[in-house]
Amino acid sequence: MYDVDILKLDRTPLELKNLKGKYLLFVNVASKCGFTGQYKELEKLFRNNKDNLMVIGLPCNQFGAQEPGNEEQISDFCQKNYGVSFIMTEKIDVKGMKKHPLYQWLTDKKLNGKKSSSVKWNFQKYLVSPDGSLIDYYYSTTSPLSTKLTKHFR
């Protein structure tokens, strides 16, 4: 998982290996979704746990075309509306033939060693432990501030 190539929203490389030792919360995000308000909770979760957690938002336009913007528009939206300070990546596919390699790992038990899943909608969350193993995934309806998640980094 740490060797997957992915770019940040500003098109610079995101070196996942530099985040070893922290929990990683991967969330496929969209700016025009009923769950978009979770940006506020994701930011609070990140700020309250930044010593041992990195939240990584991955814009995706595969569910209801709810992330139509380009990188600059996405960045502006996140800054103006939610003050997002956690990492945001380039737009990716989280399912289908062009599924990003990170999501291939997150969703395939043969690769992650834990469980297989499919991304059902925007704001589905995948939690990876500080040693790089998949802990679990959580559907969009799970608040980022839910004890299902927060119990891991207290």
C-alpha atoms as a PDB file:
ATOM      1  CA  MET A   1       0.000   0.000   0.000  1.00  0.00           C
ATOM      2  CA  TYR A   2       2.787   2.433   0.849  1.00  0.00           C
ATOM      3  CA  ASP A   3       4.288   2.101  -2.637  1.00  0.00           C
ATOM      4  CA  VAL A   4       1.149   3.198  -4.525  1.00  0.00           C
ATOM      5  CA  ASP A   5       1.659   6.256  -6.732  1.00  0.00           C
ATOM      6  CA  ILE A   6      -0.890   9.007  -6.282  1.00  0.00           C
ATOM      7  CA  LEU A   7      -0.797  12.774  -6.693  1.00  0.00           C
ATOM      8  CA  LYS A   8      -2.050  15.441  -4.323  1.00  0.00           C
ATOM      9  CA  LEU A   9      -4.620  17.923  -5.567  1.00  0.00           C
ATOM     10  CA  ASP A  10      -1.788  20.343  -6.433  1.00  0.00           C
ATOM     11  CA  ARG A  11      -0.320  17.597  -8.691  1.00  0.00           C
ATOM     12  CA  THR A  12       2.705  16.914  -6.448  1.00  0.00           C
ATOM     13  CA  PRO A  13       3.410  13.291  -5.455  1.00  0.00           C
ATOM     14  CA  LEU A  14       1.908  11.990  -2.229  1.00  0.00           C
ATOM     15  CA  GLU A  15       4.516   9.756  -0.612  1.00  0.00           C
ATOM     16  CA  LEU A  16       2.375   7.370   1.429  1.00  0.00           C
ATOM     17  CA  LYS A  17       5.527   5.769   2.865  1.00  0.00           C
ATOM     18  CA  ASN A  18       6.198   9.071   4.674  1.00  0.00           C
ATOM     19  CA  LEU A  19       2.960   8.499   6.612  1.00  0.00           C
ATOM     20  CA  LYS A  20       4.041   5.159   8.123  1.00  0.00           C
ATOM     21  CA  GLY A  21       3.381   5.180  11.856  1.00  0.00           C
ATOM     22  CA  LYS A  22       0.081   7.066  11.529  1.00  0.00           C
ATOM     23  CA  TYR A  23      -3.437   5.869  11.054  1.00  0.00           C
ATOM     24  CA  LEU A  24      -4.632   6.689   7.536  1.00  0.00           C
ATOM     25  CA  LEU A  25      -8.277   7.409   6.834  1.00  0.00           C
ATOM     26  CA  PHE A  26      -9.025   7.295   3.108  1.00  0.00           C
ATOM     27  CA  VAL A  27     -12.336   8.891   2.080  1.00  0.00           C
ATOM     28  CA  ASN A  28     -13.713   9.226  -1.449  1.00  0.00           C
ATOM     29  CA  VAL A  29     -15.175  12.726  -1.433  1.00  0.00           C
ATOM     30  CA  ALA A  30     -17.509  14.829  -3.576  1.00  0.00           C
ATOM     31  CA  SER A  31     -18.588  18.465  -3.331  1.00  0.00           C
ATOM     32  CA  LYS A  32     -22.213  18.068  -4.441  1.00  0.00           C
ATOM     33  CA  CYS A  33     -23.294  15.139  -2.271  1.00  0.00           C
ATOM     34  CA  GLY A  34     -25.729  14.865   0.608  1.00  0.00           C
ATOM     35  CA  PHE A  35     -22.748  13.745   2.719  1.00  0.00           C
ATOM     36  CA  THR A  36     -20.521  16.698   1.727  1.00  0.00           C
ATOM     37  CA  GLY A  37     -21.069  18.214   5.186  1.00  0.00           C
ATOM     38  CA  GLN A  38     -18.808  15.437   6.484  1.00  0.00           C
ATOM     39  CA  TYR A  39     -15.870  17.581   5.351  1.00  0.00           C
ATOM     40  CA  LYS A  40     -16.445  19.570   8.555  1.00  0.00           C
ATOM     41  CA  GLU A  41     -16.308  16.415  10.694  1.00  0.00           C
ATOM     42  CA  LEU A  42     -13.293  15.066   8.786  1.00  0.00           C
ATOM     43  CA  GLU A  43     -11.447  18.322   9.420  1.00  0.00           C
ATOM     44  CA  LYS A  44     -12.333  18.221  13.131  1.00  0.00           C
ATOM     45  CA  LEU A  45     -11.248  14.577  13.364  1.00  0.00           C
ATOM     46  CA  PHE A  46      -7.949  15.411  11.675  1.00  0.00           C
ATOM     47  CA  ARG A  47      -7.228  18.488  13.802  1.00  0.00           C
ATOM     48  CA  ASN A  48      -8.010  16.609  17.025  1.00  0.00           C
ATOM     49  CA  ASN A  49      -5.794  13.644  16.128  1.00  0.00           C
ATOM     50  CA  LYS A  50      -3.125  15.016  13.771  1.00  0.00           C
ATOM     51  CA  ASP A  51      -0.273  13.529  15.823  1.00  0.00           C
ATOM     52  CA  ASN A  52      -1.313   9.988  14.931  1.00  0.00           C
ATOM     53  CA  LEU A  53      -3.854  10.317  12.081  1.00  0.00           C
ATOM     54  CA  MET A  54      -3.814  11.545   8.497  1.00  0.00           C
ATOM     55  CA  VAL A  55      -7.101  12.018   6.693  1.00  0.00           C
ATOM     56  CA  ILE A  56      -6.796  11.696   2.919  1.00  0.00           C
ATOM     57  CA  GLY A  57      -9.666  12.902   0.756  1.00  0.00           C
ATOM     58  CA  LEU A  58      -9.879  11.379  -2.708  1.00  0.00           C
ATOM     59  CA  PRO A  59     -12.230  13.270  -5.030  1.00  0.00           C
ATOM     60  CA  CYS A  60     -14.321  10.945  -7.172  1.00  0.00           C
ATOM     61  CA  ASN A  61     -17.020  11.682  -9.756  1.00  0.00           C
ATOM     62  CA  GLN A  62     -18.369   8.118 -10.081  1.00  0.00           C
ATOM     63  CA  PHE A  63     -21.467   8.462  -7.900  1.00  0.00           C
ATOM     64  CA  GLY A  64     -24.172  10.704  -9.312  1.00  0.00           C
ATOM     65  CA  ALA A  65     -21.526  12.887 -11.016  1.00  0.00           C
ATOM     66  CA  GLN A  66     -21.294  14.745  -7.704  1.00  0.00           C
ATOM     67  CA  GLU A  67     -17.663  15.834  -8.120  1.00  0.00           C
ATOM     68  CA  PRO A  68     -17.626  17.534 -11.534  1.00  0.00           C
ATOM     69  CA  GLY A  69     -14.949  20.126 -10.708  1.00  0.00           C
ATOM     70  CA  ASN A  70     -11.306  20.234 -11.682  1.00  0.00           C
ATOM     71  CA  GLU A  71      -8.478  20.245  -9.128  1.00  0.00           C
ATOM     72  CA  GLU A  72      -8.536  24.017  -8.657  1.00  0.00           C
ATOM     73  CA  GLN A  73     -12.323  24.125  -8.214  1.00  0.00           C
ATOM     74  CA  ILE A  74     -12.208  21.256  -5.703  1.00  0.00           C
ATOM     75  CA  SER A  75      -9.413  22.922  -3.741  1.00  0.00           C
ATOM     76  CA  ASP A  76     -11.240  26.281  -3.673  1.00  0.00           C
ATOM     77  CA  PHE A  77     -14.478  24.604  -2.559  1.00  0.00           C
ATOM     78  CA  CYS A  78     -12.803  22.713   0.283  1.00  0.00           C
ATOM     79  CA  GLN A  79     -10.907  25.780   1.503  1.00  0.00           C
ATOM     80  CA  LYS A  80     -13.762  28.285   1.303  1.00  0.00           C
ATOM     81  CA  ASN A  81     -16.450  26.054   2.777  1.00  0.00           C
ATOM     82  CA  TYR A  82     -14.638  23.780   5.231  1.00  0.00           C
ATOM     83  CA  GLY A  83     -11.089  25.054   5.766  1.00  0.00           C
ATOM     84  CA  VAL A  84      -9.753  21.633   4.830  1.00  0.00           C
ATOM     85  CA  SER A  85      -6.143  21.196   5.954  1.00  0.00           C
ATOM     86  CA  PHE A  86      -5.828  17.435   5.504  1.00  0.00           C
ATOM     87  CA  ILE A  87      -4.438  15.908   2.315  1.00  0.00           C
ATOM     88  CA  MET A  88      -6.582  15.980  -0.801  1.00  0.00           C
ATOM     89  CA  THR A  89      -5.558  13.967  -3.853  1.00  0.00           C
ATOM     90  CA  GLU A  90      -6.154  14.095  -7.553  1.00  0.00           C
ATOM     91  CA  LYS A  91      -9.544  12.891  -8.804  1.00  0.00           C
ATOM     92  CA  ILE A  92      -9.596   9.110  -9.080  1.00  0.00           C
ATOM     93  CA  ASP A  93     -11.888   6.195  -9.846  1.00  0.00           C
ATOM     94  CA  VAL A  94     -12.714   3.982  -6.851  1.00  0.00           C
ATOM     95  CA  LYS A  95     -14.518   1.280  -8.840  1.00  0.00           C
ATOM     96  CA  GLY A  96     -14.696  -0.171 -12.321  1.00  0.00           C
ATOM     97  CA  MET A  97     -12.106  -0.797 -15.010  1.00  0.00           C
ATOM     98  CA  LYS A  98     -10.050   2.305 -14.133  1.00  0.00           C
ATOM     99  CA  LYS A  99     -10.080   1.746 -10.366  1.00  0.00           C
ATOM    100  CA  HIS A 100      -7.031   3.433  -8.861  1.00  0.00           C
ATOM    101  CA  PRO A 101      -4.377   1.011  -7.498  1.00  0.00           C
ATOM    102  CA  LEU A 102      -4.918   2.368  -3.976  1.00  0.00           C
ATOM    103  CA  TYR A 103      -8.565   1.312  -4.132  1.00  0.00           C
ATOM    104  CA  GLN A 104      -7.586  -2.002  -5.680  1.00  0.00           C
ATOM    105  CA  TRP A 105      -5.613  -2.609  -2.469  1.00  0.00           C
ATOM    106  CA  LEU A 106      -8.269  -1.194  -0.129  1.00  0.00           C
ATOM    107  CA  THR A 107     -11.095  -3.284  -1.624  1.00  0.00           C
ATOM    108  CA  ASP A 108      -9.444  -6.640  -2.386  1.00  0.00           C
ATOM    109  CA  LYS A 109      -8.745  -9.191   0.364  1.00  0.00           C
ATOM    110  CA  LYS A 110      -6.100 -10.856  -1.816  1.00  0.00           C
ATOM    111  CA  LEU A 111      -4.127  -7.594  -1.660  1.00  0.00           C
ATOM    112  CA  ASN A 112      -4.960  -6.181   1.792  1.00  0.00           C
ATOM    113  CA  GLY A 113      -5.164  -9.506   3.646  1.00  0.00           C
ATOM    114  CA  LYS A 114      -8.251  -8.467   5.618  1.00  0.00           C
ATOM    115  CA  LYS A 115     -11.452  -8.220   3.565  1.00  0.00           C
ATOM    116  CA  SER A 116     -12.969  -7.432   0.217  1.00  0.00           C
ATOM    117  CA  SER A 117     -15.491  -4.650  -0.258  1.00  0.00           C
ATOM    118  CA  SER A 118     -16.941  -2.360  -2.865  1.00  0.00           C
ATOM    119  CA  VAL A 119     -17.366   1.382  -2.623  1.00  0.00           C
ATOM    120  CA  LYS A 120     -21.102   2.044  -2.456  1.00  0.00           C
ATOM    121  CA  TRP A 121     -21.192   5.876  -2.461  1.00  0.00           C
ATOM    122  CA  ASN A 122     -19.286   9.076  -1.737  1.00  0.00           C
ATOM    123  CA  PHE A 123     -17.702   9.447   1.709  1.00  0.00           C
ATOM    124  CA  GLN A 124     -17.093   5.738   2.301  1.00  0.00           C
ATOM    125  CA  LYS A 125     -14.131   5.472   4.664  1.00  0.00           C
ATOM    126  CA  TYR A 126     -11.198   3.041   4.851  1.00  0.00           C
ATOM    127  CA  LEU A 127      -9.016   3.001   7.966  1.00  0.00           C
ATOM    128  CA  VAL A 128      -5.445   1.716   7.756  1.00  0.00           C
ATOM    129  CA  SER A 129      -3.319   1.069  10.854  1.00  0.00           C
ATOM    130  CA  PRO A 130       0.059   2.698  11.565  1.00  0.00           C
ATOM    131  CA  ASP A 131       1.771  -0.492  10.340  1.00  0.00           C
ATOM    132  CA  GLY A 132      -0.039  -0.333   6.991  1.00  0.00           C
ATOM    133  CA  SER A 133      -2.711  -2.978   7.477  1.00  0.00           C
ATOM    134  CA  LEU A 134      -6.385  -2.461   6.720  1.00  0.00           C
ATOM    135  CA  ILE A 135      -8.455  -2.144   9.889  1.00  0.00           C
ATOM    136  CA  ASP A 136     -11.924  -1.806   8.375  1.00  0.00           C
ATOM    137  CA  TYR A 137     -14.178   0.235   6.141  1.00  0.00           C
ATOM    138  CA  TYR A 138     -17.225   2.314   7.023  1.00  0.00           C
ATOM    139  CA  TYR A 139     -20.139   3.327   4.834  1.00  0.00           C
ATOM    140  CA  SER A 140     -21.065   6.932   4.100  1.00  0.00           C
ATOM    141  CA  THR A 141     -23.634   6.984   6.887  1.00  0.00           C
ATOM    142  CA  THR A 142     -20.897   6.523   9.514  1.00  0.00           C
ATOM    143  CA  SER A 143     -19.903   9.915  10.872  1.00  0.00           C
ATOM    144  CA  PRO A 144     -16.173  10.613  10.857  1.00  0.00           C
ATOM    145  CA  LEU A 145     -16.585  11.419  14.571  1.00  0.00           C
ATOM    146  CA  SER A 146     -18.263   8.080  15.340  1.00  0.00           C
ATOM    147  CA  THR A 147     -16.662   5.997  18.077  1.00  0.00           C
ATOM    148  CA  LYS A 148     -16.405   3.232  15.465  1.00  0.00           C
ATOM    149  CA  LEU A 149     -13.526   5.309  14.099  1.00  0.00           C
ATOM    150  CA  THR A 150     -12.314   7.455  16.987  1.00  0.00           C
ATOM    151  CA  LYS A 151     -11.779   4.500  19.337  1.00  0.00           C
ATOM    152  CA  HIS A 152      -8.713   3.585  17.284  1.00  0.00           C
ATOM    153  CA  PHE A 153      -6.719   6.741  17.964  1.00  0.00           C
ATOM    154  CA  ARG A 154      -7.523   7.583  21.566  1.00  0.00           C
END
